[in-house]
Amino acid sequence: MGRYFARFDQAVGAKLPTRDGFVKEYWGEASNRARNWQRYGQGGQGLIFEEGIDGSVPYAGDLNEGLATTIAKLTTTMVSCGSVTPPEFQSTARLTLVSDQSFQESHANVTLRDTPATIA
């Protein structure tokens, strides 16, 4: 969940411009940058090797809006599977493995609009 929450304005880390938009800095708690290496028991010699990651994640704006979108996606997925509640979804949902080719052929192409669509 760290990578998910790191994308939003409310997370620590700088928002950095890139060629394709913006990213937010992200680092895991076992990274050298987080300075939490003491808890990983590497013999008290300092950080021998870095276990965590240090990088960036796509910027996603405000947490309130992003979380609302994520909840809407989860709710839609549950309803599409015939479930009304998370416990029902957990007990009835079944995962089906598909080939990479099947995934590519059935993968939706979603385009987000900046303004709502108007009905003429």
Protein backbone atom coordinates (compact mmCIF):
# COMPACT_ATOMS: atom_id res chain seq x y z
CA MET A 1 0.00 0.00 0.00
CA GLY A 2 3.02 2.27 0.40
CA ARG A 3 3.43 2.75 -3.34
CA TYR A 4 -0.30 3.46 -3.69
CA PHE A 5 -0.33 6.18 -1.04
CA ALA A 6 3.06 7.63 -2.07
CA ARG A 7 1.49 8.92 -5.32
CA PHE A 8 -0.69 11.50 -3.61
CA ASP A 9 -0.10 15.11 -2.47
CA GLN A 10 -0.43 14.18 1.19
CA ALA A 11 2.56 11.79 1.09
CA VAL A 12 6.11 12.88 1.84
CA GLY A 13 8.41 13.20 -1.13
CA ALA A 14 8.85 15.85 -3.76
CA LYS A 15 6.65 16.16 -6.84
CA LEU A 16 9.06 16.14 -9.76
CA PRO A 17 8.42 17.10 -13.40
CA THR A 18 9.24 14.56 -16.10
CA ARG A 19 8.90 14.46 -19.85
CA ASP A 20 5.54 12.67 -19.47
CA GLY A 21 4.07 14.62 -16.54
CA PHE A 22 4.90 14.39 -12.85
CA VAL A 23 6.16 11.73 -10.46
CA LYS A 24 6.49 11.61 -6.68
CA GLU A 25 9.61 10.38 -4.92
CA TYR A 26 9.11 7.05 -3.17
CA TRP A 27 11.28 4.94 -0.92
CA GLY A 28 10.61 1.82 1.10
CA GLU A 29 11.32 1.69 4.82
CA ALA A 30 14.20 -0.78 4.34
CA SER A 31 16.00 1.57 1.96
CA ASN A 32 19.11 3.51 2.86
CA ARG A 33 17.17 6.74 2.37
CA ALA A 34 14.60 5.82 5.03
CA ARG A 35 17.37 5.16 7.58
CA ASN A 36 15.37 2.33 9.16
CA TRP A 37 18.06 -0.26 8.45
CA GLN A 38 18.69 -0.80 12.18
CA ARG A 39 15.61 -2.97 12.48
CA TYR A 40 16.83 -5.44 9.84
CA GLY A 41 19.61 -6.90 12.00
CA GLN A 42 22.65 -6.67 9.77
CA GLY A 43 25.06 -7.06 12.70
CA GLY A 44 25.15 -3.43 13.89
CA GLN A 45 27.73 -2.55 11.21
CA GLY A 46 25.53 -0.07 9.42
CA LEU A 47 23.81 -0.86 6.17
CA ILE A 48 25.62 -3.76 4.48
CA PHE A 49 23.11 -4.04 1.68
CA GLU A 50 19.94 -2.17 0.91
CA GLU A 51 16.76 -4.22 1.12
CA GLY A 52 14.24 -1.51 0.27
CA ILE A 53 13.54 0.36 -2.92
CA ASP A 54 14.15 3.99 -3.77
CA GLY A 55 12.53 5.48 -6.83
CA SER A 56 9.47 7.30 -8.06
CA VAL A 57 5.79 6.62 -8.65
CA PRO A 58 3.34 8.34 -11.02
CA TYR A 59 1.82 11.43 -9.42
CA ALA A 60 -1.91 11.04 -8.70
CA GLY A 61 -3.04 14.36 -7.16
CA ASP A 62 -5.20 14.60 -4.06
CA LEU A 63 -5.73 11.52 -1.88
CA ASN A 64 -9.46 12.18 -1.38
CA GLU A 65 -10.14 12.11 -5.12
CA GLY A 66 -7.81 9.18 -5.77
CA LEU A 67 -9.26 7.09 -2.96
CA ALA A 68 -12.80 7.79 -4.17
CA THR A 69 -11.81 6.58 -7.66
CA THR A 70 -10.17 3.44 -6.25
CA ILE A 71 -13.24 2.64 -4.14
CA ALA A 72 -15.47 3.12 -7.20
CA LYS A 73 -13.29 0.73 -9.21
CA LEU A 74 -13.38 -1.88 -6.44
CA THR A 75 -17.16 -1.53 -6.07
CA THR A 76 -17.66 -1.90 -9.83
CA THR A 77 -15.47 -5.00 -9.88
CA MET A 78 -17.42 -6.55 -6.99
CA VAL A 79 -20.77 -5.86 -8.67
CA SER A 80 -19.50 -7.25 -11.99
CA CYS A 81 -18.67 -10.45 -10.11
CA GLY A 82 -22.12 -10.60 -8.51
CA SER A 83 -21.09 -9.47 -5.03
CA VAL A 84 -22.54 -6.66 -2.95
CA THR A 85 -20.18 -6.65 0.04
CA PRO A 86 -16.41 -7.17 0.39
CA PRO A 87 -16.86 -10.37 2.48
CA GLU A 88 -19.20 -11.81 -0.17
CA PHE A 89 -16.70 -10.90 -2.90
CA GLN A 90 -13.87 -12.51 -0.95
CA SER A 91 -15.77 -15.75 -0.50
CA THR A 92 -17.20 -16.04 -4.04
CA ALA A 93 -14.65 -14.46 -6.41
CA ARG A 94 -12.46 -16.82 -8.45
CA LEU A 95 -9.28 -15.88 -10.26
CA THR A 96 -8.69 -17.29 -13.71
CA LEU A 97 -5.22 -17.35 -15.23
CA VAL A 98 -5.06 -16.24 -18.83
CA SER A 99 -2.21 -16.14 -21.31
CA ASP A 100 -0.41 -12.88 -22.01
CA GLN A 101 -1.89 -12.88 -25.51
CA SER A 102 -5.44 -13.23 -24.14
CA PHE A 103 -4.78 -10.39 -21.71
CA GLN A 104 -3.46 -8.12 -24.48
CA GLU A 105 -6.43 -8.89 -26.74
CA SER A 106 -9.04 -8.25 -24.05
CA HIS A 107 -7.32 -5.35 -22.30
CA ALA A 108 -9.51 -2.25 -22.26
CA ASN A 109 -8.19 0.98 -23.72
CA VAL A 110 -9.38 3.69 -21.33
CA THR A 111 -9.10 7.39 -22.12
CA LEU A 112 -9.79 9.92 -19.38
CA ARG A 113 -11.39 13.23 -20.32
CA ASP A 114 -10.59 16.53 -18.65
CA THR A 115 -14.24 17.61 -18.88
CA PRO A 116 -17.45 15.61 -18.54
CA ALA A 117 -19.03 14.35 -21.74
CA THR A 118 -22.12 16.22 -22.91
CA ILE A 119 -25.17 14.46 -24.25
CA ALA A 120 -26.64 16.15 -27.29
